[in-house]
Amino acid sequence: MERKKLEEEIRAMQSKEKELLERKNRELAEAYRDLKSAQSQILQQEKMASIGQLAAGVAHEINNPMGFIMSNLGSLQKYMERLAEFMKVQQGTLEALAADRGTGGEGAAASSGAAGGGAGAFLDRLQETRRSLKIDYILEDTGNLIRESLEGAERVKSIVRDLKSFSRADETEYKTADINAGIESTVNIVWNELKYKAVLKKEYGEIPLVRCNIGQLNQVFMNILVNAAHAIEKQG
C-alpha cells in the first residue's frame, strides 16, 4: 500500500512540476517577446535616445534573474531524470515482487517465510536507490527552485512592464496616471545606475491621480535620477 502511495505521489509531483515548468516557459517566452517589442519601439523614438546609456544596466537587471532561472531549470531537468530513473527501478521492484510471490505462492510464503525475505531484499534495494539518487533532497529542493524561478520571472516581467511604459513617451494623448507608480517604474529602469552609488530611500507622498503624459514625465524622472547618480563620485 505504501509503495503504491509513494508511486502515486511521485507521479503527481512530476505532473505538477511539468505543468509549472511549461507555464513558466510560456510566460518567459511572452515576456521575452514583450521585451523585444518594447526595445524595438524605444529604438525608433528619438526622444528616447537617452535610454541607450541605460541599455547595459537594464540588460544586467534582466540577466541576473534570467541566469538563475535557467540554472534552476537545468537542475529541475536533472531532478526529473533522477525521478524517472527511480520510477523505473520502483516499477522493476514491483514487478519482481509480483513474480516472486507468483512463483512462491502465498502458502509457501506463510510456511517458509522465503517470499517475505525476498520482499525485504527488494524493498532494501528500492530504499538504497532512493538514497543514492537523493530523492528526498530532490523533493525538498524542487519547491525552492520553483519558488526562486517564479520570483525571477516576476522580476523580468516587472522590468518589461516598466520598459513598455517608457516606450510610450512620444504619445501626445493625456491620460489619468499615478505619478508615484511612474517614479517607481523609472527607479526600476535606472536601478543599475543607482544601486552602486547611493542608498535610495523612498518616501512617496499621497498624490491624487492626475491627467498628464506619464511617458514624458517618466523621461524627466529618468534624466533627473541618472544625472544625480553621475554627480555622485563615491557611494553615499
Protein backbone atom coordinates (compact mmCIF):
# COMPACT_ATOMS: atom_id res chain seq x y z
CA MET A 1 0.00 0.00 0.00
CA GLU A 2 2.86 2.35 0.89
CA ARG A 3 4.64 1.56 -2.37
CA LYS A 4 1.52 2.38 -4.37
CA LYS A 5 1.02 5.61 -2.43
CA LEU A 6 4.67 6.61 -2.98
CA GLU A 7 4.37 5.88 -6.69
CA GLU A 8 1.21 7.97 -6.96
CA GLU A 9 2.79 10.87 -5.02
CA ILE A 10 5.85 10.91 -7.27
CA ARG A 11 3.76 10.77 -10.42
CA ALA A 12 1.53 13.58 -9.14
CA MET A 13 4.59 15.67 -8.29
CA GLN A 14 6.13 15.02 -11.71
CA SER A 15 2.90 16.07 -13.40
CA LYS A 16 2.65 19.21 -11.27
CA GLU A 17 6.28 20.15 -11.86
CA LYS A 18 5.94 19.60 -15.60
CA GLU A 19 2.85 21.80 -15.69
CA LEU A 20 4.61 24.56 -13.72
CA LEU A 21 7.69 24.41 -15.94
CA GLU A 22 5.61 24.56 -19.11
CA ARG A 23 3.59 27.51 -17.77
CA LYS A 24 6.70 29.44 -16.71
CA ASN A 25 8.37 28.73 -20.05
CA ARG A 26 5.34 30.20 -21.81
CA GLU A 27 5.39 33.25 -19.52
CA LEU A 28 9.12 33.75 -20.06
CA ALA A 29 8.69 33.43 -23.82
CA GLU A 30 5.90 36.01 -23.69
CA ALA A 31 7.99 38.31 -21.51
CA TYR A 32 10.89 37.96 -23.95
CA ARG A 33 8.64 38.85 -26.88
CA ASP A 34 7.29 41.85 -24.98
CA LEU A 35 10.83 42.91 -24.14
CA LYS A 36 11.91 42.70 -27.77
CA SER A 37 8.83 44.67 -28.79
CA ALA A 38 9.48 47.35 -26.16
CA GLN A 39 13.14 47.62 -27.16
CA SER A 40 12.17 47.98 -30.82
CA GLN A 41 9.78 50.82 -30.02
CA ILE A 42 12.35 52.58 -27.87
CA LEU A 43 14.97 52.48 -30.62
CA GLN A 44 12.51 54.08 -33.04
CA GLN A 45 11.89 57.11 -30.86
CA GLU A 46 14.39 59.95 -30.96
CA LYS A 47 13.21 61.40 -27.68
CA MET A 48 14.12 58.17 -26.00
CA ALA A 49 17.69 58.13 -27.32
CA SER A 50 18.98 58.69 -23.80
CA ILE A 51 17.69 55.26 -22.79
CA GLY A 52 20.61 53.85 -24.77
CA GLN A 53 23.03 54.66 -21.98
CA LEU A 54 20.92 52.51 -19.68
CA ALA A 55 20.78 49.50 -22.01
CA ALA A 56 23.66 47.72 -20.31
CA GLY A 57 22.14 48.31 -16.89
CA VAL A 58 18.71 47.10 -17.95
CA ALA A 59 20.26 44.04 -19.59
CA HIS A 60 22.16 43.36 -16.36
CA GLU A 61 18.98 43.62 -14.30
CA ILE A 62 17.28 41.15 -16.64
CA ASN A 63 20.23 38.79 -17.00
CA ASN A 64 20.51 38.25 -13.24
CA PRO A 65 17.06 36.67 -12.74
CA MET A 66 17.22 35.01 -16.15
CA GLY A 67 20.55 33.47 -15.14
CA PHE A 68 19.28 31.74 -12.04
CA ILE A 69 16.01 30.82 -13.76
CA MET A 70 17.98 28.98 -16.44
CA SER A 71 20.18 27.40 -13.76
CA ASN A 72 17.14 26.28 -11.80
CA LEU A 73 15.50 24.85 -14.90
CA GLY A 74 18.68 22.90 -15.59
CA SER A 75 18.62 21.50 -12.05
CA LEU A 76 14.93 20.65 -12.36
CA GLN A 77 15.63 18.81 -15.60
CA LYS A 78 18.27 16.68 -13.84
CA TYR A 79 15.87 16.09 -10.96
CA MET A 80 13.21 14.89 -13.37
CA GLU A 81 15.72 12.47 -14.90
CA ARG A 82 16.55 11.07 -11.46
CA LEU A 83 12.88 10.76 -10.57
CA ALA A 84 12.28 8.94 -13.84
CA GLU A 85 15.17 6.59 -13.05
CA PHE A 86 13.77 5.96 -9.59
CA MET A 87 10.33 5.29 -11.05
CA LYS A 88 11.92 2.75 -13.42
CA VAL A 89 13.67 0.97 -10.54
CA GLN A 90 10.49 1.08 -8.49
CA GLN A 91 8.48 -0.42 -11.34
CA GLY A 92 11.06 -3.17 -11.74
CA THR A 93 10.93 -3.86 -8.00
CA LEU A 94 7.15 -4.11 -8.03
CA GLU A 95 7.27 -6.49 -11.00
CA ALA A 96 9.94 -8.59 -9.29
CA LEU A 97 7.84 -8.74 -6.12
CA ALA A 98 4.82 -9.84 -8.10
CA ALA A 99 6.86 -12.52 -9.87
CA ASP A 100 8.39 -13.69 -6.58
CA ARG A 101 5.00 -14.06 -4.96
CA GLY A 102 3.62 -15.75 -8.05
CA THR A 103 6.30 -18.44 -8.05
CA GLY A 104 6.49 -18.89 -4.29
CA GLY A 105 2.77 -18.78 -3.60
CA GLU A 106 1.05 -17.37 -0.55
CA GLY A 107 1.06 -20.74 1.15
CA ALA A 108 4.78 -21.18 0.69
CA ALA A 109 5.40 -17.68 1.97
CA ALA A 110 3.40 -18.38 5.09
CA SER A 111 5.16 -21.68 5.80
CA SER A 112 8.76 -20.85 4.99
CA GLY A 113 8.95 -17.04 5.02
CA ALA A 114 11.00 -17.16 1.82
CA ALA A 115 8.78 -14.80 -0.06
CA GLY A 116 8.85 -12.40 2.86
CA GLY A 117 12.63 -12.43 2.78
CA GLY A 118 12.56 -11.81 -0.94
CA ALA A 119 10.25 -8.86 -0.45
CA GLY A 120 12.58 -7.41 2.15
CA ALA A 121 15.52 -7.64 -0.24
CA PHE A 122 13.54 -5.93 -2.98
CA LEU A 123 12.49 -3.13 -0.64
CA ASP A 124 16.07 -2.72 0.61
CA ARG A 125 17.19 -2.29 -2.99
CA LEU A 126 14.47 0.29 -3.56
CA GLN A 127 15.46 2.26 -0.45
CA GLU A 128 19.13 2.15 -1.44
CA THR A 129 18.24 3.51 -4.88
CA ARG A 130 16.20 6.25 -3.22
CA ARG A 131 19.22 7.22 -1.10
CA SER A 132 21.74 7.05 -3.94
CA LEU A 133 19.58 9.23 -6.20
CA LYS A 134 18.91 11.64 -3.30
CA ILE A 135 15.17 11.52 -3.95
CA ASP A 136 14.28 13.06 -0.58
CA TYR A 137 16.58 16.03 -1.23
CA ILE A 138 15.15 16.42 -4.72
CA LEU A 139 11.59 16.51 -3.40
CA GLU A 140 12.60 19.16 -0.85
CA ASP A 141 14.72 21.31 -3.18
CA THR A 142 12.27 21.28 -6.08
CA GLY A 143 9.90 23.63 -4.24
CA ASN A 144 12.74 26.08 -3.56
CA LEU A 145 13.86 26.09 -7.19
CA ILE A 146 10.33 26.69 -8.46
CA ARG A 147 9.79 29.49 -5.94
CA GLU A 148 13.06 31.22 -6.91
CA SER A 149 12.21 30.87 -10.59
CA LEU A 150 8.78 32.38 -10.06
CA GLU A 151 10.34 35.34 -8.25
CA GLY A 152 12.88 35.81 -11.04
CA ALA A 153 10.18 35.62 -13.69
CA GLU A 154 8.16 38.23 -11.81
CA ARG A 155 11.24 40.49 -11.73
CA VAL A 156 11.70 40.15 -15.50
CA LYS A 157 8.00 40.78 -16.01
CA SER A 158 8.23 43.95 -13.90
CA ILE A 159 11.19 45.29 -15.89
CA VAL A 160 9.44 44.57 -19.18
CA ARG A 161 6.32 46.34 -17.94
CA ASP A 162 8.38 49.39 -16.97
CA LEU A 163 10.17 49.40 -20.32
CA LYS A 164 6.83 49.35 -22.10
CA SER A 165 5.75 52.44 -20.16
CA PHE A 166 8.88 54.24 -21.39
CA SER A 167 8.23 53.17 -24.96
CA ARG A 168 5.10 55.34 -24.91
CA ALA A 169 6.99 58.56 -24.22
CA ASP A 170 6.17 60.00 -27.66
CA GLU A 171 2.43 59.69 -27.17
CA THR A 172 0.73 63.09 -27.16
CA GLU A 173 -2.51 61.98 -25.54
CA TYR A 174 -3.01 62.97 -21.92
CA LYS A 175 -4.35 60.26 -19.62
CA THR A 176 -5.08 59.89 -15.93
CA ALA A 177 -1.97 58.43 -14.32
CA ASP A 178 -0.36 57.60 -10.98
CA ILE A 179 2.76 59.75 -10.55
CA ASN A 180 4.13 57.55 -7.76
CA ALA A 181 3.81 54.48 -9.98
CA GLY A 182 5.65 56.37 -12.72
CA ILE A 183 8.51 57.22 -10.37
CA GLU A 184 8.66 53.63 -9.14
CA SER A 185 8.87 52.24 -12.68
CA THR A 186 11.57 54.80 -13.51
CA VAL A 187 13.60 53.76 -10.48
CA ASN A 188 13.37 50.14 -11.62
CA ILE A 189 14.68 51.08 -15.05
CA VAL A 190 17.66 53.10 -13.78
CA TRP A 191 18.33 50.94 -10.74
CA ASN A 192 21.62 49.64 -12.07
CA GLU A 193 22.82 53.26 -12.28
CA LEU A 194 21.80 53.96 -8.69
CA LYS A 195 22.47 50.90 -6.59
CA TYR A 196 26.26 51.24 -6.65
CA LYS A 197 26.20 54.97 -5.94
CA ALA A 198 23.57 55.62 -3.29
CA VAL A 199 21.19 54.19 -0.74
CA LEU A 200 17.77 55.04 -2.10
CA LYS A 201 15.08 55.91 0.43
CA LYS A 202 11.57 56.02 -0.97
CA GLU A 203 9.08 58.31 0.73
CA TYR A 204 6.20 58.68 -1.65
CA GLY A 205 3.52 61.12 -0.60
CA GLU A 206 -0.17 60.70 -1.24
CA ILE A 207 -0.62 62.17 -4.70
CA PRO A 208 -4.02 62.02 -6.40
CA LEU A 209 -4.28 60.70 -9.93
CA VAL A 210 -3.52 63.46 -12.43
CA ARG A 211 -4.13 63.92 -16.14
CA CYS A 212 -0.74 64.02 -17.85
CA ASN A 213 1.61 62.39 -20.33
CA ILE A 214 3.12 59.85 -17.96
CA GLY A 215 5.63 58.61 -20.55
CA GLN A 216 7.22 62.03 -20.91
CA LEU A 217 7.18 62.55 -17.15
CA ASN A 218 8.98 59.24 -16.72
CA GLN A 219 11.60 60.51 -19.17
CA VAL A 220 12.11 63.59 -17.00
CA PHE A 221 12.33 61.48 -13.84
CA MET A 222 14.87 59.24 -15.53
CA ASN A 223 17.09 62.15 -16.56
CA ILE A 224 17.00 63.58 -13.03
CA LEU A 225 17.90 60.24 -11.44
CA VAL A 226 20.67 59.42 -13.92
CA ASN A 227 22.21 62.89 -13.64
CA ALA A 228 22.09 62.63 -9.85
CA ALA A 229 23.81 59.23 -9.97
CA HIS A 230 26.53 60.56 -12.28
CA ALA A 231 27.10 63.51 -9.95
CA ILE A 232 27.96 61.17 -7.06
CA GLU A 233 31.67 60.39 -7.16
CA LYS A 234 31.62 57.82 -4.39
CA GLN A 235 28.91 55.71 -2.85
CA GLY A 236 26.88 57.82 -0.46
